[in-house]
Amino acid sequence: MSEPIRVLVTGAAGQIAYSLLYSIGNGSVFGKDQPIILVLLDITPMMGVLDGVLMELQDCALPLLKDVIATDKEEVAFKDLDVAVLVGSMPRREGMERKDLLKANVKIFKSQGAALEKYAKKSVKVIVVGNPANTNCLTASKSAPSIPKENFSCLTRLDHNRAKSQIALKLGVTADDVKNVIIWGNHSSTQYPDVNHAKVKLHGKEVGVYEALKDDSWLKGEFIMTVQQRGAAVIKARKLSSAMSAAKAIGDHIRDIWFGTPEGEFVSMGVISDGNSYGIPDDLLYSFPVIIKNKTWKFVEGLPINDFSREKMDLTAKELTEEKETAFEFLSSA
């Protein structure tokens, strides 16, 4: 058995964490021979609920869980971390402007970034899930200047998985038969799900998705909107936001960081845009296609971008730039 790694999940009394913690504890994220010290952080009013989650984790009797620590204190939660999964954030309430949401979250992620800077290992991998995820991730990274920017990523894997499954449903194949879809940009309704480079396995051979579907108007219209609006559709139906699918996507995202992406495949991840070759401004936390080896991601380079894609990619970059500007106004005064 290797040394235990220390993994933090914030918002640990919430819905997403409830689905996520078991898969971290049972070895399906970090591997079946990786012992884990699991740290659960939530706000003080949630400590009662968190105690219940702690009891359940103990009752799962998971051999890989060497210790579970439940706390409402950042100095306890962020100490010596190998991985931080920042799920907790201020949710958007009815009648709330995006600006108000940004203001509340800048405060949270500035504080958590500072705690990472002060207490965590410099090699810590930070995954931001709480929305607005891209800008929250950038805020945390800016507040932890001695941790490499490349160690911060935000979740667009849920959108990636949604895009894969929509294509699979349309073609009557499994989601596993679809690869190399891309989510560009913001985890918001401006994101651009792009299948120009995606492949699908049909009758034993790989073909391009556009060629397989022969339905350009669906791919450029309804498909994009379905993926962009899927989170809202789930809330409308379930009266609660995506939790099971979000937890599954977080597991996928972290597993790929830990073990690398399969040969010939790339995945979508919100990462720092510095040095990209797709004309996206530097210093944004933007979702790109990446490949991962040795716990290090790289942009997938050289994909041809058509005019339709260019317009969509620029639109979501513009939204992210505006969000960043708003957030940084708050950041300087927070």
C-alpha atoms as a PDB file:
ATOM      1  CA  MET A   1       0.000   0.000   0.000  1.00  0.00           C
ATOM      2  CA  SER A   2       1.217   3.495  -0.809  1.00  0.00           C
ATOM      3  CA  GLU A   3       1.197   6.444   1.587  1.00  0.00           C
ATOM      4  CA  PRO A   4      -2.269   7.940   2.138  1.00  0.00           C
ATOM      5  CA  ILE A   5      -3.094  11.083   0.169  1.00  0.00           C
ATOM      6  CA  ARG A   6      -5.011  13.914   1.768  1.00  0.00           C
ATOM      7  CA  VAL A   7      -8.147  14.884  -0.162  1.00  0.00           C
ATOM      8  CA  LEU A   8     -10.435  17.777   0.732  1.00  0.00           C
ATOM      9  CA  VAL A   9     -14.047  18.108  -0.401  1.00  0.00           C
ATOM     10  CA  THR A  10     -15.746  21.422   0.407  1.00  0.00           C
ATOM     11  CA  GLY A  11     -19.514  21.823   0.575  1.00  0.00           C
ATOM     12  CA  ALA A  12     -19.282  18.316   1.974  1.00  0.00           C
ATOM     13  CA  ALA A  13     -22.784  18.313   3.503  1.00  0.00           C
ATOM     14  CA  GLY A  14     -24.342  19.073   0.103  1.00  0.00           C
ATOM     15  CA  GLN A  15     -25.975  16.972  -2.613  1.00  0.00           C
ATOM     16  CA  ILE A  16     -23.006  16.642  -4.991  1.00  0.00           C
ATOM     17  CA  ALA A  17     -20.602  15.638  -2.217  1.00  0.00           C
ATOM     18  CA  TYR A  18     -23.097  13.023  -1.019  1.00  0.00           C
ATOM     19  CA  SER A  19     -22.770  11.293  -4.396  1.00  0.00           C
ATOM     20  CA  LEU A  20     -19.024  11.948  -4.700  1.00  0.00           C
ATOM     21  CA  LEU A  21     -17.610  10.885  -1.323  1.00  0.00           C
ATOM     22  CA  TYR A  22     -18.425   7.202  -1.691  1.00  0.00           C
ATOM     23  CA  SER A  23     -16.650   6.901  -5.054  1.00  0.00           C
ATOM     24  CA  ILE A  24     -13.562   8.660  -3.670  1.00  0.00           C
ATOM     25  CA  GLY A  25     -13.608   6.348  -0.649  1.00  0.00           C
ATOM     26  CA  ASN A  26     -14.123   3.096  -2.562  1.00  0.00           C
ATOM     27  CA  GLY A  27     -11.125   3.558  -4.869  1.00  0.00           C
ATOM     28  CA  SER A  28     -12.857   4.339  -8.136  1.00  0.00           C
ATOM     29  CA  VAL A  29     -11.221   7.792  -8.399  1.00  0.00           C
ATOM     30  CA  PHE A  30      -7.639   7.401  -7.124  1.00  0.00           C
ATOM     31  CA  GLY A  31      -7.299   3.653  -7.633  1.00  0.00           C
ATOM     32  CA  LYS A  32      -7.911   0.529  -5.578  1.00  0.00           C
ATOM     33  CA  ASP A  33      -4.577   0.634  -3.746  1.00  0.00           C
ATOM     34  CA  GLN A  34      -4.461   4.298  -2.791  1.00  0.00           C
ATOM     35  CA  PRO A  35      -5.283   4.937   0.889  1.00  0.00           C
ATOM     36  CA  ILE A  36      -7.011   8.241   1.567  1.00  0.00           C
ATOM     37  CA  ILE A  37      -7.407  10.716   4.392  1.00  0.00           C
ATOM     38  CA  LEU A  38     -10.674  12.444   3.549  1.00  0.00           C
ATOM     39  CA  VAL A  39     -11.271  15.960   4.820  1.00  0.00           C
ATOM     40  CA  LEU A  40     -14.808  17.349   4.770  1.00  0.00           C
ATOM     41  CA  LEU A  41     -15.365  21.108   5.029  1.00  0.00           C
ATOM     42  CA  ASP A  42     -18.645  22.962   5.305  1.00  0.00           C
ATOM     43  CA  ILE A  43     -20.021  26.088   6.938  1.00  0.00           C
ATOM     44  CA  THR A  44     -20.801  26.052  10.670  1.00  0.00           C
ATOM     45  CA  PRO A  45     -24.634  25.789  10.324  1.00  0.00           C
ATOM     46  CA  MET A  46     -24.138  22.568   8.298  1.00  0.00           C
ATOM     47  CA  MET A  47     -21.995  20.775  10.906  1.00  0.00           C
ATOM     48  CA  GLY A  48     -24.916  18.692  12.176  1.00  0.00           C
ATOM     49  CA  VAL A  49     -25.601  17.354   8.686  1.00  0.00           C
ATOM     50  CA  LEU A  50     -21.869  16.844   8.154  1.00  0.00           C
ATOM     51  CA  ASP A  51     -21.706  14.656  11.277  1.00  0.00           C
ATOM     52  CA  GLY A  52     -24.339  12.451   9.665  1.00  0.00           C
ATOM     53  CA  VAL A  53     -22.257  12.196   6.481  1.00  0.00           C
ATOM     54  CA  LEU A  54     -19.224  11.329   8.606  1.00  0.00           C
ATOM     55  CA  MET A  55     -21.164   8.544  10.360  1.00  0.00           C
ATOM     56  CA  GLU A  56     -22.288   7.140   7.019  1.00  0.00           C
ATOM     57  CA  LEU A  57     -18.740   7.121   5.660  1.00  0.00           C
ATOM     58  CA  GLN A  58     -17.635   5.242   8.784  1.00  0.00           C
ATOM     59  CA  ASP A  59     -20.547   2.832   8.305  1.00  0.00           C
ATOM     60  CA  CYS A  60     -19.473   2.130   4.708  1.00  0.00           C
ATOM     61  CA  ALA A  61     -16.427   0.413   6.262  1.00  0.00           C
ATOM     62  CA  LEU A  62     -14.237   1.344   3.312  1.00  0.00           C
ATOM     63  CA  PRO A  63     -10.767  -0.188   3.672  1.00  0.00           C
ATOM     64  CA  LEU A  64      -9.026   2.663   1.805  1.00  0.00           C
ATOM     65  CA  LEU A  65     -10.301   5.376   4.145  1.00  0.00           C
ATOM     66  CA  LYS A  66      -7.582   5.801   6.733  1.00  0.00           C
ATOM     67  CA  ASP A  67      -9.282   8.765   8.379  1.00  0.00           C
ATOM     68  CA  VAL A  68     -12.227  11.096   7.843  1.00  0.00           C
ATOM     69  CA  ILE A  69     -12.078  14.601   9.289  1.00  0.00           C
ATOM     70  CA  ALA A  70     -15.155  16.840   9.373  1.00  0.00           C
ATOM     71  CA  THR A  71     -14.534  20.535  10.070  1.00  0.00           C
ATOM     72  CA  ASP A  72     -15.766  24.100   9.583  1.00  0.00           C
ATOM     73  CA  LYS A  73     -12.245  25.546   9.951  1.00  0.00           C
ATOM     74  CA  GLU A  74     -10.120  26.385   6.921  1.00  0.00           C
ATOM     75  CA  GLU A  75      -6.831  25.983   8.808  1.00  0.00           C
ATOM     76  CA  VAL A  76      -7.782  22.363   9.566  1.00  0.00           C
ATOM     77  CA  ALA A  77      -9.289  21.615   6.159  1.00  0.00           C
ATOM     78  CA  PHE A  78      -6.494  22.942   3.927  1.00  0.00           C
ATOM     79  CA  LYS A  79      -3.517  21.548   5.837  1.00  0.00           C
ATOM     80  CA  ASP A  80      -1.017  19.472   3.777  1.00  0.00           C
ATOM     81  CA  LEU A  81      -3.482  18.716   0.990  1.00  0.00           C
ATOM     82  CA  ASP A  82      -2.664  16.628  -2.064  1.00  0.00           C
ATOM     83  CA  VAL A  83      -6.035  17.309  -3.723  1.00  0.00           C
ATOM     84  CA  ALA A  84      -8.690  19.961  -3.074  1.00  0.00           C
ATOM     85  CA  VAL A  85     -12.152  19.536  -4.608  1.00  0.00           C
ATOM     86  CA  LEU A  86     -13.931  22.847  -4.123  1.00  0.00           C
ATOM     87  CA  VAL A  87     -17.601  21.979  -4.510  1.00  0.00           C
ATOM     88  CA  GLY A  88     -19.146  24.434  -2.049  1.00  0.00           C
ATOM     89  CA  SER A  89     -20.186  27.848  -3.345  1.00  0.00           C
ATOM     90  CA  MET A  90     -22.971  30.355  -2.925  1.00  0.00           C
ATOM     91  CA  PRO A  91     -25.814  29.152  -5.176  1.00  0.00           C
ATOM     92  CA  ARG A  92     -27.779  31.562  -7.306  1.00  0.00           C
ATOM     93  CA  ARG A  93     -31.040  32.440  -5.577  1.00  0.00           C
ATOM     94  CA  GLU A  94     -34.179  33.606  -7.316  1.00  0.00           C
ATOM     95  CA  GLY A  95     -34.006  37.244  -8.397  1.00  0.00           C
ATOM     96  CA  MET A  96     -30.241  37.284  -7.959  1.00  0.00           C
ATOM     97  CA  GLU A  97     -28.134  38.987 -10.617  1.00  0.00           C
ATOM     98  CA  ARG A  98     -25.019  37.168 -11.861  1.00  0.00           C
ATOM     99  CA  LYS A  99     -23.078  40.124 -10.449  1.00  0.00           C
ATOM    100  CA  ASP A 100     -24.394  39.445  -6.912  1.00  0.00           C
ATOM    101  CA  LEU A 101     -23.477  35.802  -7.332  1.00  0.00           C
ATOM    102  CA  LEU A 102     -19.944  36.735  -8.388  1.00  0.00           C
ATOM    103  CA  LYS A 103     -19.535  39.061  -5.438  1.00  0.00           C
ATOM    104  CA  ALA A 104     -20.548  36.405  -2.895  1.00  0.00           C
ATOM    105  CA  ASN A 105     -18.311  33.786  -4.498  1.00  0.00           C
ATOM    106  CA  VAL A 106     -15.243  35.999  -4.883  1.00  0.00           C
ATOM    107  CA  LYS A 107     -15.232  36.274  -1.108  1.00  0.00           C
ATOM    108  CA  ILE A 108     -15.412  32.484  -0.622  1.00  0.00           C
ATOM    109  CA  PHE A 109     -12.776  31.607  -3.236  1.00  0.00           C
ATOM    110  CA  LYS A 110     -10.420  34.389  -2.254  1.00  0.00           C
ATOM    111  CA  SER A 111     -10.479  33.012   1.273  1.00  0.00           C
ATOM    112  CA  GLN A 112     -10.034  29.388   0.118  1.00  0.00           C
ATOM    113  CA  GLY A 113      -7.222  30.394  -2.259  1.00  0.00           C
ATOM    114  CA  ALA A 114      -5.448  32.128   0.624  1.00  0.00           C
ATOM    115  CA  ALA A 115      -5.915  28.994   2.769  1.00  0.00           C
ATOM    116  CA  LEU A 116      -4.425  26.834  -0.007  1.00  0.00           C
ATOM    117  CA  GLU A 117      -1.484  29.237  -0.210  1.00  0.00           C
ATOM    118  CA  LYS A 118      -0.929  29.121   3.520  1.00  0.00           C
ATOM    119  CA  TYR A 119      -1.568  25.471   4.453  1.00  0.00           C
ATOM    120  CA  ALA A 120      -1.643  23.123   1.415  1.00  0.00           C
ATOM    121  CA  LYS A 121       1.263  21.417  -0.362  1.00  0.00           C
ATOM    122  CA  LYS A 122       2.588  23.446  -3.295  1.00  0.00           C
ATOM    123  CA  SER A 123       1.956  20.401  -5.474  1.00  0.00           C
ATOM    124  CA  VAL A 124      -1.766  20.329  -4.584  1.00  0.00           C
ATOM    125  CA  LYS A 125      -4.199  19.735  -7.451  1.00  0.00           C
ATOM    126  CA  VAL A 126      -7.225  22.014  -7.137  1.00  0.00           C
ATOM    127  CA  ILE A 127     -10.516  21.223  -8.882  1.00  0.00           C
ATOM    128  CA  VAL A 128     -13.226  23.878  -8.731  1.00  0.00           C
ATOM    129  CA  VAL A 129     -16.837  22.782  -9.138  1.00  0.00           C
ATOM    130  CA  GLY A 130     -18.808  25.535  -7.370  1.00  0.00           C
ATOM    131  CA  ASN A 131     -20.361  27.993  -9.845  1.00  0.00           C
ATOM    132  CA  PRO A 132     -19.484  30.266 -11.557  1.00  0.00           C
ATOM    133  CA  ALA A 133     -16.749  27.632 -11.730  1.00  0.00           C
ATOM    134  CA  ASN A 134     -14.324  29.227 -14.228  1.00  0.00           C
ATOM    135  CA  THR A 135     -14.152  32.577 -12.474  1.00  0.00           C
ATOM    136  CA  ASN A 136     -14.166  31.012  -8.994  1.00  0.00           C
ATOM    137  CA  CYS A 137     -11.194  28.916 -10.096  1.00  0.00           C
ATOM    138  CA  LEU A 138      -9.330  31.962 -11.401  1.00  0.00           C
ATOM    139  CA  THR A 139     -10.061  33.806  -8.129  1.00  0.00           C
ATOM    140  CA  ALA A 140      -8.675  30.917  -6.053  1.00  0.00           C
ATOM    141  CA  SER A 141      -5.578  30.667  -8.247  1.00  0.00           C
ATOM    142  CA  LYS A 142      -4.880  34.427  -8.005  1.00  0.00           C
ATOM    143  CA  SER A 143      -5.175  34.146  -4.218  1.00  0.00           C
ATOM    144  CA  ALA A 144      -2.584  31.330  -4.106  1.00  0.00           C
ATOM    145  CA  PRO A 145       0.307  32.810  -6.111  1.00  0.00           C
ATOM    146  CA  SER A 146       2.931  30.249  -5.033  1.00  0.00           C
ATOM    147  CA  ILE A 147       0.899  27.268  -6.319  1.00  0.00           C
ATOM    148  CA  PRO A 148       1.422  26.770 -10.093  1.00  0.00           C
ATOM    149  CA  LYS A 149      -1.542  28.080 -12.132  1.00  0.00           C
ATOM    150  CA  GLU A 150      -1.540  24.799 -14.050  1.00  0.00           C
ATOM    151  CA  ASN A 151      -2.533  22.999 -10.823  1.00  0.00           C
ATOM    152  CA  PHE A 152      -5.948  24.678 -10.917  1.00  0.00           C
ATOM    153  CA  SER A 153      -8.739  23.380 -13.142  1.00  0.00           C
ATOM    154  CA  CYS A 154     -12.500  23.710 -13.186  1.00  0.00           C
ATOM    155  CA  LEU A 155     -15.153  21.210 -14.090  1.00  0.00           C
ATOM    156  CA  THR A 156     -16.549  21.227 -17.626  1.00  0.00           C
ATOM    157  CA  ARG A 157     -16.513  17.431 -17.739  1.00  0.00           C
ATOM    158  CA  LEU A 158     -20.228  17.308 -16.928  1.00  0.00           C
ATOM    159  CA  ASP A 159     -20.915  19.310 -20.109  1.00  0.00           C
ATOM    160  CA  HIS A 160     -18.465  17.055 -21.976  1.00  0.00           C
ATOM    161  CA  ASN A 161     -20.308  13.948 -20.756  1.00  0.00           C
ATOM    162  CA  ARG A 162     -23.663  15.516 -21.628  1.00  0.00           C
ATOM    163  CA  ALA A 163     -22.454  16.209 -25.169  1.00  0.00           C
ATOM    164  CA  LYS A 164     -21.172  12.638 -25.565  1.00  0.00           C
ATOM    165  CA  SER A 165     -24.429  11.152 -24.343  1.00  0.00           C
ATOM    166  CA  GLN A 166     -26.601  13.330 -26.624  1.00  0.00           C
ATOM    167  CA  ILE A 167     -24.626  12.117 -29.659  1.00  0.00           C
ATOM    168  CA  ALA A 168     -24.787   8.515 -28.424  1.00  0.00           C
ATOM    169  CA  LEU A 169     -28.564   8.719 -27.880  1.00  0.00           C
ATOM    170  CA  LYS A 170     -29.088  10.168 -31.344  1.00  0.00           C
ATOM    171  CA  LEU A 171     -27.036   7.406 -32.995  1.00  0.00           C
ATOM    172  CA  GLY A 172     -28.220   4.547 -30.787  1.00  0.00           C
ATOM    173  CA  VAL A 173     -24.719   3.715 -29.515  1.00  0.00           C
ATOM    174  CA  THR A 174     -23.252   3.876 -26.000  1.00  0.00           C
ATOM    175  CA  ALA A 175     -21.521   7.011 -24.696  1.00  0.00           C
ATOM    176  CA  ASP A 176     -18.289   4.997 -24.677  1.00  0.00           C
ATOM    177  CA  ASP A 177     -18.440   4.791 -28.478  1.00  0.00           C
ATOM    178  CA  VAL A 178     -18.161   8.584 -28.722  1.00  0.00           C
ATOM    179  CA  LYS A 179     -14.864  10.379 -28.128  1.00  0.00           C
ATOM    180  CA  ASN A 180     -13.151  13.738 -28.533  1.00  0.00           C
ATOM    181  CA  VAL A 181     -16.101  16.054 -28.129  1.00  0.00           C
ATOM    182  CA  ILE A 182     -14.937  19.475 -26.887  1.00  0.00           C
ATOM    183  CA  ILE A 183     -16.449  21.999 -24.529  1.00  0.00           C
ATOM    184  CA  TRP A 184     -14.967  25.426 -25.225  1.00  0.00           C
ATOM    185  CA  GLY A 185     -15.167  28.326 -22.794  1.00  0.00           C
ATOM    186  CA  ASN A 186     -17.345  28.994 -19.792  1.00  0.00           C
ATOM    187  CA  HIS A 187     -19.382  26.539 -17.761  1.00  0.00           C
ATOM    188  CA  SER A 188     -22.458  28.652 -18.499  1.00  0.00           C
ATOM    189  CA  SER A 189     -25.069  28.878 -21.232  1.00  0.00           C
ATOM    190  CA  THR A 190     -22.455  30.451 -23.579  1.00  0.00           C
ATOM    191  CA  GLN A 191     -20.271  27.330 -23.558  1.00  0.00           C
ATOM    192  CA  TYR A 192     -19.700  25.825 -26.978  1.00  0.00           C
ATOM    193  CA  PRO A 193     -20.057  22.039 -27.306  1.00  0.00           C
ATOM    194  CA  ASP A 194     -18.061  21.245 -30.455  1.00  0.00           C
ATOM    195  CA  VAL A 195     -18.223  17.902 -32.272  1.00  0.00           C
ATOM    196  CA  ASN A 196     -16.276  18.894 -35.393  1.00  0.00           C
ATOM    197  CA  HIS A 197     -13.362  16.729 -34.210  1.00  0.00           C
ATOM    198  CA  ALA A 198     -15.391  14.053 -32.444  1.00  0.00           C
ATOM    199  CA  LYS A 199     -15.432  10.435 -33.553  1.00  0.00           C
ATOM    200  CA  VAL A 200     -17.976   7.694 -33.093  1.00  0.00           C
ATOM    201  CA  LYS A 201     -17.576   3.939 -33.393  1.00  0.00           C
ATOM    202  CA  LEU A 202     -20.213   2.620 -35.793  1.00  0.00           C
ATOM    203  CA  HIS A 203     -20.293  -0.993 -37.048  1.00  0.00           C
ATOM    204  CA  GLY A 204     -16.762  -1.510 -35.791  1.00  0.00           C
ATOM    205  CA  LYS A 205     -15.127   1.501 -37.417  1.00  0.00           C
ATOM    206  CA  GLU A 206     -14.522   5.090 -36.329  1.00  0.00           C
ATOM    207  CA  VAL A 207     -16.188   7.886 -38.259  1.00  0.00           C
ATOM    208  CA  GLY A 208     -16.570  11.611 -37.712  1.00  0.00           C
ATOM    209  CA  VAL A 209     -19.744  12.606 -35.881  1.00  0.00           C
ATOM    210  CA  TYR A 210     -20.855  15.012 -38.641  1.00  0.00           C
ATOM    211  CA  GLU A 211     -20.430  12.249 -41.213  1.00  0.00           C
ATOM    212  CA  ALA A 212     -22.202   9.681 -39.016  1.00  0.00           C
ATOM    213  CA  LEU A 213     -25.206  11.864 -38.229  1.00  0.00           C
ATOM    214  CA  LYS A 214     -25.694  13.655 -41.550  1.00  0.00           C
ATOM    215  CA  ASP A 215     -27.803  16.225 -39.716  1.00  0.00           C
ATOM    216  CA  ASP A 216     -25.894  19.502 -39.625  1.00  0.00           C
ATOM    217  CA  SER A 217     -28.862  21.610 -38.594  1.00  0.00           C
ATOM    218  CA  TRP A 218     -29.437  19.479 -35.462  1.00  0.00           C
ATOM    219  CA  LEU A 219     -25.718  19.564 -34.614  1.00  0.00           C
ATOM    220  CA  LYS A 220     -25.519  23.340 -35.030  1.00  0.00           C
ATOM    221  CA  GLY A 221     -28.831  24.054 -33.324  1.00  0.00           C
ATOM    222  CA  GLU A 222     -30.757  21.781 -30.998  1.00  0.00           C
ATOM    223  CA  PHE A 223     -27.723  19.736 -29.912  1.00  0.00           C
ATOM    224  CA  ILE A 224     -25.780  22.809 -28.766  1.00  0.00           C
ATOM    225  CA  MET A 225     -28.784  24.265 -26.972  1.00  0.00           C
ATOM    226  CA  THR A 226     -29.594  20.975 -25.232  1.00  0.00           C
ATOM    227  CA  VAL A 227     -26.077  20.740 -23.796  1.00  0.00           C
ATOM    228  CA  GLN A 228     -25.986  24.441 -22.865  1.00  0.00           C
ATOM    229  CA  GLN A 229     -29.377  24.305 -21.115  1.00  0.00           C
ATOM    230  CA  ARG A 230     -29.149  20.813 -19.630  1.00  0.00           C
ATOM    231  CA  GLY A 231     -28.434  21.965 -16.072  1.00  0.00           C
ATOM    232  CA  ALA A 232     -31.538  24.172 -16.109  1.00  0.00           C
ATOM    233  CA  ALA A 233     -33.623  21.310 -17.543  1.00  0.00           C
ATOM    234  CA  VAL A 234     -32.540  19.022 -14.687  1.00  0.00           C
ATOM    235  CA  ILE A 235     -33.445  21.669 -12.100  1.00  0.00           C
ATOM    236  CA  LYS A 236     -36.844  22.153 -13.722  1.00  0.00           C
ATOM    237  CA  ALA A 237     -37.584  18.415 -13.651  1.00  0.00           C
ATOM    238  CA  ARG A 238     -35.967  17.439 -10.355  1.00  0.00           C
ATOM    239  CA  LYS A 239     -36.484  20.712  -8.447  1.00  0.00           C
ATOM    240  CA  LEU A 240     -32.808  20.277  -7.502  1.00  0.00           C
ATOM    241  CA  SER A 241     -29.597  20.735  -9.455  1.00  0.00           C
ATOM    242  CA  SER A 242     -27.567  17.930 -11.048  1.00  0.00           C
ATOM    243  CA  ALA A 243     -25.846  15.939  -8.322  1.00  0.00           C
ATOM    244  CA  MET A 244     -25.317  12.325  -9.406  1.00  0.00           C
ATOM    245  CA  SER A 245     -24.075  13.329 -12.881  1.00  0.00           C
ATOM    246  CA  ALA A 246     -21.949  16.140 -11.431  1.00  0.00           C
ATOM    247  CA  ALA A 247     -20.306  13.741  -8.955  1.00  0.00           C
ATOM    248  CA  LYS A 248     -19.628  11.234 -11.761  1.00  0.00           C
ATOM    249  CA  ALA A 249     -18.037  14.013 -13.870  1.00  0.00           C
ATOM    250  CA  ILE A 250     -15.836  15.155 -10.957  1.00  0.00           C
ATOM    251  CA  GLY A 251     -14.637  11.562 -10.555  1.00  0.00           C
ATOM    252  CA  ASP A 252     -13.860  11.356 -14.302  1.00  0.00           C
ATOM    253  CA  HIS A 253     -12.011  14.689 -14.219  1.00  0.00           C
ATOM    254  CA  ILE A 254      -9.833  13.770 -11.233  1.00  0.00           C
ATOM    255  CA  ARG A 255      -9.154  10.224 -12.457  1.00  0.00           C
ATOM    256  CA  ASP A 256      -7.842  11.636 -15.746  1.00  0.00           C
ATOM    257  CA  ILE A 257      -5.565  14.069 -13.889  1.00  0.00           C
ATOM    258  CA  TRP A 258      -4.315  11.209 -11.737  1.00  0.00           C
ATOM    259  CA  PHE A 259      -3.899   8.470 -14.360  1.00  0.00           C
ATOM    260  CA  GLY A 260      -3.781  10.389 -17.660  1.00  0.00           C
ATOM    261  CA  THR A 261      -6.060  10.343 -20.684  1.00  0.00           C
ATOM    262  CA  PRO A 262      -6.320   7.239 -22.896  1.00  0.00           C
ATOM    263  CA  GLU A 263      -4.142   7.161 -26.023  1.00  0.00           C
ATOM    264  CA  GLY A 264      -5.797   9.035 -28.899  1.00  0.00           C
ATOM    265  CA  GLU A 265      -8.401  10.687 -26.686  1.00  0.00           C
ATOM    266  CA  PHE A 266      -8.760  14.136 -25.255  1.00  0.00           C
ATOM    267  CA  VAL A 267     -11.103  15.597 -22.640  1.00  0.00           C
ATOM    268  CA  SER A 268     -12.471  19.032 -21.768  1.00  0.00           C
ATOM    269  CA  MET A 269     -11.281  20.920 -18.719  1.00  0.00           C
ATOM    270  CA  GLY A 270     -11.312  24.556 -17.626  1.00  0.00           C
ATOM    271  CA  VAL A 271      -7.636  25.558 -17.392  1.00  0.00           C
ATOM    272  CA  ILE A 272      -5.540  28.723 -17.540  1.00  0.00           C
ATOM    273  CA  SER A 273      -5.537  29.990 -21.139  1.00  0.00           C
ATOM    274  CA  ASP A 274      -1.912  31.243 -21.152  1.00  0.00           C
ATOM    275  CA  GLY A 275      -0.069  30.261 -24.321  1.00  0.00           C
ATOM    276  CA  ASN A 276      -2.980  28.578 -26.120  1.00  0.00           C
ATOM    277  CA  SER A 277      -2.913  28.563 -29.937  1.00  0.00           C
ATOM    278  CA  TYR A 278      -6.647  29.186 -30.407  1.00  0.00           C
ATOM    279  CA  GLY A 279      -6.663  32.956 -30.081  1.00  0.00           C
ATOM    280  CA  ILE A 280      -8.247  32.939 -26.618  1.00  0.00           C
ATOM    281  CA  PRO A 281      -6.863  35.820 -24.477  1.00  0.00           C
ATOM    282  CA  ASP A 282      -4.337  34.877 -21.787  1.00  0.00           C
ATOM    283  CA  ASP A 283      -5.222  34.896 -18.089  1.00  0.00           C
ATOM    284  CA  LEU A 284      -8.699  33.420 -18.464  1.00  0.00           C
ATOM    285  CA  LEU A 285      -9.866  30.143 -16.969  1.00  0.00           C
ATOM    286  CA  TYR A 286     -11.314  28.677 -20.183  1.00  0.00           C
ATOM    287  CA  SER A 287     -12.360  25.156 -21.133  1.00  0.00           C
ATOM    288  CA  PHE A 288     -10.096  23.565 -23.754  1.00  0.00           C
ATOM    289  CA  PRO A 289      -9.463  20.095 -25.131  1.00  0.00           C
ATOM    290  CA  VAL A 290      -6.516  18.656 -23.190  1.00  0.00           C
ATOM    291  CA  ILE A 291      -4.465  15.493 -22.955  1.00  0.00           C
ATOM    292  CA  ILE A 292      -2.935  14.506 -19.638  1.00  0.00           C
ATOM    293  CA  LYS A 293       0.245  12.571 -18.825  1.00  0.00           C
ATOM    294  CA  ASN A 294       2.132  12.328 -15.523  1.00  0.00           C
ATOM    295  CA  LYS A 295      -0.518  14.483 -13.817  1.00  0.00           C
ATOM    296  CA  THR A 296       0.240  17.330 -16.257  1.00  0.00           C
ATOM    297  CA  TRP A 297      -2.200  18.587 -18.888  1.00  0.00           C
ATOM    298  CA  LYS A 298      -1.362  19.986 -22.301  1.00  0.00           C
ATOM    299  CA  PHE A 299      -3.556  21.752 -24.846  1.00  0.00           C
ATOM    300  CA  VAL A 300      -4.531  19.668 -27.856  1.00  0.00           C
ATOM    301  CA  GLU A 301      -2.895  21.742 -30.590  1.00  0.00           C
ATOM    302  CA  GLY A 302      -3.608  22.298 -34.247  1.00  0.00           C
ATOM    303  CA  LEU A 303      -7.322  21.539 -34.484  1.00  0.00           C
ATOM    304  CA  PRO A 304      -8.768  23.443 -37.446  1.00  0.00           C
ATOM    305  CA  ILE A 305     -11.430  25.950 -36.349  1.00  0.00           C
ATOM    306  CA  ASN A 306     -14.194  26.935 -38.785  1.00  0.00           C
ATOM    307  CA  ASP A 307     -16.019  30.281 -38.782  1.00  0.00           C
ATOM    308  CA  PHE A 308     -19.040  28.875 -36.947  1.00  0.00           C
ATOM    309  CA  SER A 309     -16.820  27.594 -34.138  1.00  0.00           C
ATOM    310  CA  ARG A 310     -14.711  30.769 -34.062  1.00  0.00           C
ATOM    311  CA  GLU A 311     -17.760  32.908 -33.392  1.00  0.00           C
ATOM    312  CA  LYS A 312     -18.979  30.645 -30.575  1.00  0.00           C
ATOM    313  CA  MET A 313     -15.513  30.400 -28.988  1.00  0.00           C
ATOM    314  CA  ASP A 314     -15.081  34.177 -29.019  1.00  0.00           C
ATOM    315  CA  LEU A 315     -18.530  34.761 -27.558  1.00  0.00           C
ATOM    316  CA  THR A 316     -17.852  32.614 -24.501  1.00  0.00           C
ATOM    317  CA  ALA A 317     -14.365  34.191 -24.126  1.00  0.00           C
ATOM    318  CA  LYS A 318     -16.035  37.612 -24.083  1.00  0.00           C
ATOM    319  CA  GLU A 319     -18.385  36.518 -21.288  1.00  0.00           C
ATOM    320  CA  LEU A 320     -15.440  35.156 -19.291  1.00  0.00           C
ATOM    321  CA  THR A 321     -13.490  38.379 -19.746  1.00  0.00           C
ATOM    322  CA  GLU A 322     -16.455  40.392 -18.440  1.00  0.00           C
ATOM    323  CA  GLU A 323     -16.931  38.005 -15.506  1.00  0.00           C
ATOM    324  CA  LYS A 324     -13.248  38.252 -14.673  1.00  0.00           C
ATOM    325  CA  GLU A 325     -13.352  42.064 -14.716  1.00  0.00           C
ATOM    326  CA  THR A 326     -16.371  42.109 -12.385  1.00  0.00           C
ATOM    327  CA  ALA A 327     -14.801  39.551 -10.078  1.00  0.00           C
ATOM    328  CA  PHE A 328     -11.510  41.426  -9.904  1.00  0.00           C
ATOM    329  CA  GLU A 329     -13.262  44.648  -8.940  1.00  0.00           C
ATOM    330  CA  PHE A 330     -14.689  42.719  -5.991  1.00  0.00           C
ATOM    331  CA  LEU A 331     -11.372  40.938  -5.404  1.00  0.00           C
ATOM    332  CA  SER A 332      -9.495  44.165  -4.812  1.00  0.00           C
ATOM    333  CA  SER A 333     -12.136  45.294  -2.309  1.00  0.00           C
ATOM    334  CA  ALA A 334     -12.932  41.885  -0.768  1.00  0.00           C
END
